[in-house]
Amino acid sequence: MSSLSYLVSRLLQIIPTFLLVMVVIFLLVRMLPGDPAIAMADAKATEAQLELIRQKLGLNEPLPMQFLYFVKNTLTGDMGTSILLKAPVLEVILERIPVTAFLTIYAVCLSILIAGPLAFVAALNKNGMLDIAIRSGFQVGLSTPVFYIGLLLLTFLAASLRLFPVGGYGTTFLQHLHHLMLPALTVALYTSAIIMRNLRSAVIEVLDAEYVQFARSKGLSRSVILGRHVLRNALISTVTLLGLSIGNLMSGTLVTETVFAVPGLGRLMLEAIFARDYPLIQGLTLTFAVMVSLVFLFTDMVQAWLDPRLRLS
């Protein structure tokens, strides 16, 4: 199967997943306590005004019809108007997406920079002092809650030493890097612990493989063996784990963005939940679903590049 065919097949697999997500979101939002009409209306709204809002939202229609309206409006980009911000939901989401995307990519890059080299050092010194020290240090990061790591970094590096701002996003690229350093590092310290353990195990397993032993017997240098034979094969399982971690990062930005006052999708989701902003909750949930699906698609493509045999499956 060619790369293009593989990409098309993976894109087609996203469609039923997206439809299932829409069904779940539609049902869950309608199971929330409270009346959306009351949440949208003025405090002094009459029953007639509330009924008018319900008709406008289609809440008086049977559930199947409401779902069809929901699908139609979503596919045409009409996600309704935010109750909280009094603005089109799509416009609000598009304004916040770059912040969350930047934070996620930033955290992933830091995770790779931290975990990658240390995983190789630990694997090449299996059960040695360096290996034990690296694993012990990462175990602390893995067992510590993300929000607690964030509070520690915020207290010492931002509030006490004033090396970084306590919140915000900035306006230029360099300001984005500066403002998001602590939240990205908070996520990276936790994520890198997971990646390091997986990559270390994968490298150790590949080092014992027959083709690596054969490469050594041919007299190839250590750097060639590690770069050409070990790294590519060890990355296959790690890429899968990294893709899952990115999905968790994107959906778990609620805590990080709230702690560091980052104006992203996660913080917006929390505000929408407290305000019972049903249109915004639906729009944000769908956005996260699409973003995570795209991450998984990219992960599949990288895996297929690392291991061409996956294209045949």
Foldseek 3Di string as FASTA:
>chain_A
DDLVVLLVVLVVVLVVVLVVLLVVLLVVLVPDDDDVLCLQDDVPDDPVSSVVVCVVQVVVPPSVVSSVVCVVCVVVVQLDAWSVPRGGLSVLQVVFAVLLVVLLVLLLVLLCVVQVVLLVVLLVQPPHPSVVVSLVQLVVLQPDDLLVQLVVCLVPVCVPVNQADLAEQDDDPVSNCRRSVSLSVSLSSNLSSVLSVQLNVLLNVQCPDPVLVVCVVVVDDPVCSCVPRRPLRSCLVSLVSSLVSSLCSSQVCLSSCVRSVYRHLSVVCVVCVVSSRSSNVSVSSSVSSVVSSVSVSVSLSSSCVSPVVSSVD
